[in-house]
């Protein structure tokens, strides 16, 4: 049985902190589930860490469906949430419901995630009523990075803080089962968490949220030269992998790999037969 939105909300009610991790392929999905992560987010952050773009904007719905299928297929218990990519849900409620339904039907995710607060709340309400569980996402919403002028902390002044509170209340009232708070001051994230009944999942929002989400590649240090402030490098896996590959290249060039231990043999009788074929 997979973890459901009811399980996640029970964790919030019990005061149990909720870890969430991004996953984009069979390896990250398998490792995340084996580590005990209850929620795996197939994030549109794949645009940056998988596809090599500077933002999430180029990610398409087809990309999300493809990668979500892999993560669902590679797991058994974790709840898999698929990101709705840029402009796949903001043209109209009908567009959002059609594309959300595709993620559910074709990829098999247990829920979808949408960026936006008050303005997207009516769409969330329609989708939830139609049977599509929605995780909301407010604060720094990466799909609006061009409007924000970069990846900046949101809600630092009175007006923007009040707007984030209104956004949080609006998405809860619309039926979202949880809300991501990204790059929000610690004090504001704590206030929102205390006021809401649904779980808050922080990323760069301090320690007082109901849970935390981080990018797989950031936690493992897969890009040694990059590490966002809101993340923690739990392993220097990128350097370990680079060193291993460098050694591989060196051994191949020096004829040190493969050895007899890495090779297979055949009987002398077959070898003789093969030699006769070339005569």
Protein backbone atom coordinates (compact mmCIF):
# COMPACT_ATOMS: atom_id res chain seq x y z
CA UNK A 1 0.00 0.00 0.00
CA UNK A 2 1.25 3.44 -0.90
CA UNK A 3 1.28 6.33 1.51
CA UNK A 4 -1.75 8.60 0.96
CA UNK A 5 -2.63 12.21 1.67
CA UNK A 6 -4.47 11.00 4.79
CA UNK A 7 -1.24 9.46 6.08
CA UNK A 8 0.61 12.74 5.49
CA UNK A 9 -2.06 14.76 7.27
CA UNK A 10 -2.00 12.30 10.18
CA UNK A 11 1.74 12.89 10.49
CA UNK A 12 1.05 16.64 10.78
CA UNK A 13 -1.64 16.05 13.42
CA UNK A 14 0.68 13.80 15.43
CA UNK A 15 3.51 16.32 15.30
CA UNK A 16 5.65 13.93 13.24
CA UNK A 17 8.01 15.81 10.92
CA UNK A 18 7.69 14.92 7.24
CA UNK A 19 10.70 14.43 4.95
CA UNK A 20 10.20 14.83 1.20
CA UNK A 21 12.79 14.39 -1.53
CA UNK A 22 12.91 14.97 -5.27
CA UNK A 23 13.31 11.98 -7.57
CA UNK A 24 13.59 11.92 -11.33
CA UNK A 25 14.67 8.40 -12.31
CA UNK A 26 14.83 4.80 -11.11
CA UNK A 27 18.01 5.34 -9.09
CA UNK A 28 16.87 8.38 -7.12
CA UNK A 29 13.40 6.88 -6.62
CA UNK A 30 14.77 3.57 -5.34
CA UNK A 31 17.31 5.17 -3.00
CA UNK A 32 14.77 7.65 -1.64
CA UNK A 33 12.22 4.98 -0.85
CA UNK A 34 14.83 2.66 0.67
CA UNK A 35 15.90 5.54 2.94
CA UNK A 36 12.33 5.80 4.25
CA UNK A 37 11.21 8.98 2.48
CA UNK A 38 7.38 8.98 2.55
CA UNK A 39 6.89 11.52 -0.28
CA UNK A 40 8.87 11.67 -3.51
CA UNK A 41 8.42 14.77 -5.65
CA UNK A 42 9.06 14.47 -9.36
CA UNK A 43 9.99 18.13 -9.49
CA UNK A 44 10.29 20.37 -12.48
CA UNK A 45 13.70 21.10 -10.95
CA UNK A 46 14.70 18.36 -13.38
CA UNK A 47 15.02 21.20 -15.86
CA UNK A 48 18.13 22.31 -14.00
CA UNK A 49 19.64 19.16 -12.47
CA UNK A 50 18.77 16.69 -15.24
CA UNK A 51 18.34 18.74 -18.42
CA UNK A 52 21.00 21.38 -17.71
CA UNK A 53 18.79 24.47 -18.07
CA UNK A 54 19.14 27.63 -15.99
CA UNK A 55 15.55 27.44 -14.76
CA UNK A 56 12.50 25.18 -14.69
CA UNK A 57 10.76 27.06 -17.52
CA UNK A 58 11.71 24.69 -20.39
CA UNK A 59 10.20 21.61 -18.71
CA UNK A 60 7.11 20.31 -20.50
CA UNK A 61 4.19 18.17 -19.42
CA UNK A 62 5.52 15.33 -21.56
CA UNK A 63 8.80 15.47 -19.64
CA UNK A 64 6.91 15.34 -16.34
CA UNK A 65 4.79 12.39 -17.40
CA UNK A 66 7.82 10.44 -18.62
CA UNK A 67 9.90 10.95 -15.48
CA UNK A 68 6.91 10.44 -13.17
CA UNK A 69 6.21 7.09 -14.83
CA UNK A 70 9.75 5.99 -14.02
CA UNK A 71 9.54 7.05 -10.37
CA UNK A 72 6.15 5.38 -9.87
CA UNK A 73 7.37 2.20 -11.55
CA UNK A 74 10.50 2.13 -9.37
CA UNK A 75 8.71 2.46 -6.02
CA UNK A 76 6.11 0.58 -4.01
CA UNK A 77 5.27 2.56 -0.89
CA UNK A 78 6.21 6.22 -1.25
CA UNK A 79 3.61 8.74 -2.31
CA UNK A 80 4.70 10.15 -5.66
CA UNK A 81 3.80 13.75 -6.46
CA UNK A 82 4.20 15.17 -9.97
CA UNK A 83 4.93 18.82 -10.62
CA UNK A 84 2.67 20.68 -13.03
CA UNK A 85 5.18 22.48 -15.29
CA UNK A 86 5.23 26.07 -16.52
CA UNK A 87 1.98 27.24 -18.14
CA UNK A 88 0.37 23.80 -18.00
CA UNK A 89 -2.37 24.95 -15.62
CA UNK A 90 -2.69 28.75 -15.67
CA UNK A 91 -4.47 29.33 -18.98
CA UNK A 92 -7.77 27.99 -17.68
CA UNK A 93 -9.28 25.65 -15.12
CA UNK A 94 -10.13 23.25 -17.93
CA UNK A 95 -6.50 23.16 -19.07
CA UNK A 96 -5.33 22.51 -15.51
CA UNK A 97 -7.81 19.68 -14.97
CA UNK A 98 -6.96 18.02 -18.28
CA UNK A 99 -3.22 18.16 -17.67
CA UNK A 100 -3.56 17.15 -14.03
CA UNK A 101 -5.65 14.19 -15.12
CA UNK A 102 -2.94 13.18 -17.60
CA UNK A 103 -0.33 13.12 -14.84
CA UNK A 104 -2.61 10.97 -12.70
CA UNK A 105 -3.72 8.60 -15.47
CA UNK A 106 -0.60 8.26 -17.61
CA UNK A 107 2.08 8.53 -14.93
CA UNK A 108 0.19 7.10 -11.96
CA UNK A 109 1.18 9.78 -9.47
CA UNK A 110 -0.76 10.06 -6.21
CA UNK A 111 -1.01 13.85 -6.34
CA UNK A 112 0.13 16.87 -8.31
CA UNK A 113 1.85 20.09 -7.22
CA UNK A 114 0.95 23.56 -8.43
CA UNK A 115 2.66 26.89 -7.84
CA UNK A 116 0.58 29.89 -6.79
CA UNK A 117 -1.59 31.25 -4.01
CA UNK A 118 -4.88 33.15 -4.06
CA UNK A 119 -5.06 33.46 -7.84
CA UNK A 120 -4.72 29.70 -8.35
CA UNK A 121 -7.01 28.70 -5.46
CA UNK A 122 -10.19 28.44 -7.61
CA UNK A 123 -8.37 26.03 -9.92
CA UNK A 124 -7.18 23.97 -6.95
CA UNK A 125 -10.77 23.75 -5.71
CA UNK A 126 -12.04 22.45 -9.04
CA UNK A 127 -9.24 19.90 -9.30
CA UNK A 128 -9.75 18.60 -5.77
CA UNK A 129 -13.49 18.26 -6.39
CA UNK A 130 -12.66 16.26 -9.52
CA UNK A 131 -10.55 13.83 -7.48
CA UNK A 132 -7.07 15.22 -8.12
CA UNK A 133 -5.14 15.72 -4.85
CA UNK A 134 -3.17 18.98 -4.93
CA UNK A 135 -0.09 20.11 -3.06
CA UNK A 136 0.19 23.90 -3.28
CA UNK A 137 3.46 25.86 -3.54
CA UNK A 138 3.90 29.47 -2.42
CA UNK A 139 6.75 31.85 -1.58
CA UNK A 140 9.49 31.68 -4.17
CA UNK A 141 7.79 29.90 -7.03
CA UNK A 142 10.53 28.93 -9.51
CA UNK A 143 8.26 29.14 -12.56
CA UNK A 144 7.94 32.87 -11.81
CA UNK A 145 11.69 33.42 -11.45
CA UNK A 146 11.76 35.92 -14.31
CA UNK A 147 9.05 37.97 -12.66
CA UNK A 148 10.86 37.88 -9.30
CA UNK A 149 14.15 38.89 -10.88
CA UNK A 150 15.96 35.80 -9.62
CA UNK A 151 15.77 33.26 -6.83
CA UNK A 152 15.00 35.62 -3.95
CA UNK A 153 13.55 35.21 -0.47
CA UNK A 154 9.86 36.18 -0.45
CA UNK A 155 7.78 37.78 2.33
CA UNK A 156 10.48 39.89 3.95
CA UNK A 157 8.34 43.05 4.22
CA UNK A 158 4.88 43.63 5.69
CA UNK A 159 2.92 43.67 2.43
CA UNK A 160 4.47 40.57 0.91
CA UNK A 161 4.29 38.72 4.23
CA UNK A 162 0.57 39.48 4.49
CA UNK A 163 0.08 38.28 0.93
CA UNK A 164 1.80 34.97 1.70
CA UNK A 165 -0.47 34.47 4.71
CA UNK A 166 -3.48 35.12 2.47
CA UNK A 167 -2.06 32.71 -0.13
CA UNK A 168 -1.56 29.98 2.46
CA UNK A 169 -5.10 30.35 3.79
CA UNK A 170 -6.54 30.44 0.28
CA UNK A 171 -4.92 27.20 -0.88
CA UNK A 172 -5.95 25.44 2.32
CA UNK A 173 -9.54 26.64 1.91
CA UNK A 174 -9.46 25.45 -1.71
CA UNK A 175 -8.67 21.91 -0.57
CA UNK A 176 -4.90 21.55 -0.98
CA UNK A 177 -3.69 18.73 1.27
CA UNK A 178 -0.32 20.41 1.91
CA UNK A 179 1.64 23.48 0.88
CA UNK A 180 5.31 24.01 0.04
CA UNK A 181 6.87 27.17 1.49
CA UNK A 182 9.96 28.07 -0.51
CA UNK A 183 12.50 30.74 0.48
CA UNK A 184 10.30 32.26 3.17
CA UNK A 185 11.70 33.85 6.37
CA UNK A 186 11.77 31.42 9.30
CA UNK A 187 9.44 33.50 11.46
CA UNK A 188 6.82 33.84 8.74
CA UNK A 189 6.99 30.13 7.89
CA UNK A 190 6.46 29.30 11.57
CA UNK A 191 3.46 31.62 11.75
CA UNK A 192 1.89 30.07 8.67
CA UNK A 193 2.59 26.54 9.92
CA UNK A 194 0.94 27.27 13.26
CA UNK A 195 -2.14 28.78 11.64
CA UNK A 196 -2.79 26.10 9.02
CA UNK A 197 -4.37 22.72 9.54
CA UNK A 198 -2.60 21.23 6.53
CA UNK A 199 1.12 20.38 6.55
CA UNK A 200 3.67 22.93 5.41
CA UNK A 201 6.72 21.57 3.61
CA UNK A 202 9.64 23.95 3.77
CA UNK A 203 12.57 24.49 1.46
CA UNK A 204 14.67 27.38 2.65
CA UNK A 205 11.90 28.24 5.13
CA UNK A 206 13.51 27.29 8.43
CA UNK A 207 13.03 24.44 10.91
CA UNK A 208 9.46 25.08 12.06
CA UNK A 209 7.57 23.72 9.04
CA UNK A 210 5.70 20.42 9.21
CA UNK A 211 8.30 18.88 6.94
CA UNK A 212 11.16 19.60 4.57
CA UNK A 213 11.83 18.98 0.88
CA UNK A 214 15.24 19.01 -0.76
CA UNK A 215 16.69 18.26 -4.17
CA UNK A 216 18.32 14.83 -4.45
CA UNK A 217 21.41 16.17 -6.20
CA UNK A 218 21.98 18.91 -3.61
CA UNK A 219 21.88 16.55 -0.63
CA UNK A 220 24.38 14.17 -2.21
CA UNK A 221 26.72 16.84 -3.55
CA UNK A 222 26.41 15.62 -7.14
CA UNK A 223 27.41 19.09 -8.35
CA UNK A 224 30.50 19.77 -6.20
CA UNK A 225 30.78 23.41 -7.25
CA UNK A 226 27.17 24.25 -6.38
CA UNK A 227 25.35 24.14 -3.07
CA UNK A 228 22.33 26.34 -2.27
CA UNK A 229 22.30 27.95 1.16
CA UNK A 230 19.05 26.28 2.14
CA UNK A 231 20.47 22.81 1.54
CA UNK A 232 22.97 20.60 3.36
CA UNK A 233 25.48 18.35 1.62
CA UNK A 234 25.19 14.99 3.39
CA UNK A 235 27.75 13.35 1.10
CA UNK A 236 30.35 14.43 -1.43
CA UNK A 237 29.12 11.85 -3.90
CA UNK A 238 29.94 13.99 -6.92
CA UNK A 239 33.64 14.03 -6.12
CA UNK A 240 33.64 10.32 -5.28
CA UNK A 241 32.02 9.56 -8.65
CA UNK A 242 34.41 11.84 -10.51
CA UNK A 243 37.43 10.19 -8.86
CA UNK A 244 36.11 6.74 -9.73
CA UNK A 245 35.53 7.66 -13.37
CA UNK A 246 38.96 9.28 -13.60
CA UNK A 247 40.52 6.05 -12.31
CA UNK A 248 38.51 4.07 -14.87
CA UNK A 249 39.82 6.22 -17.72
CA UNK A 250 43.37 5.88 -16.43
CA UNK A 251 43.19 2.09 -16.11
CA UNK A 252 41.72 1.60 -19.58
CA UNK A 253 44.46 3.74 -21.13
CA UNK A 254 47.12 1.85 -19.16
CA UNK A 255 45.67 -1.57 -20.12
CA UNK A 256 45.00 -2.28 -16.44
CA UNK A 257 41.28 -2.88 -17.02
CA UNK A 258 39.74 -5.28 -17.79
CA UNK A 259 41.68 -8.11 -16.20
CA UNK A 260 41.03 -11.84 -16.22
CA UNK A 261 38.65 -11.33 -13.29
CA UNK A 262 36.47 -9.08 -15.49
CA UNK A 263 36.52 -11.42 -18.50
CA UNK A 264 35.02 -14.72 -19.59
CA UNK A 265 36.73 -17.75 -21.14
CA UNK A 266 35.75 -20.46 -23.58
CA UNK A 267 36.99 -24.02 -24.05
CA UNK A 268 40.06 -24.73 -26.16
CA UNK A 269 37.90 -27.01 -28.33
CA UNK A 270 35.65 -24.10 -29.34
CA UNK A 271 38.67 -21.86 -29.85
CA UNK A 272 40.16 -24.41 -32.25
CA UNK A 273 36.86 -24.58 -34.15
CA UNK A 274 36.79 -20.80 -34.49
CA UNK A 275 40.38 -20.77 -35.77
CA UNK A 276 39.45 -23.31 -38.44
CA UNK A 277 36.64 -21.03 -39.63
CA UNK A 278 39.18 -18.38 -40.54
CA UNK A 279 41.42 -20.68 -42.55
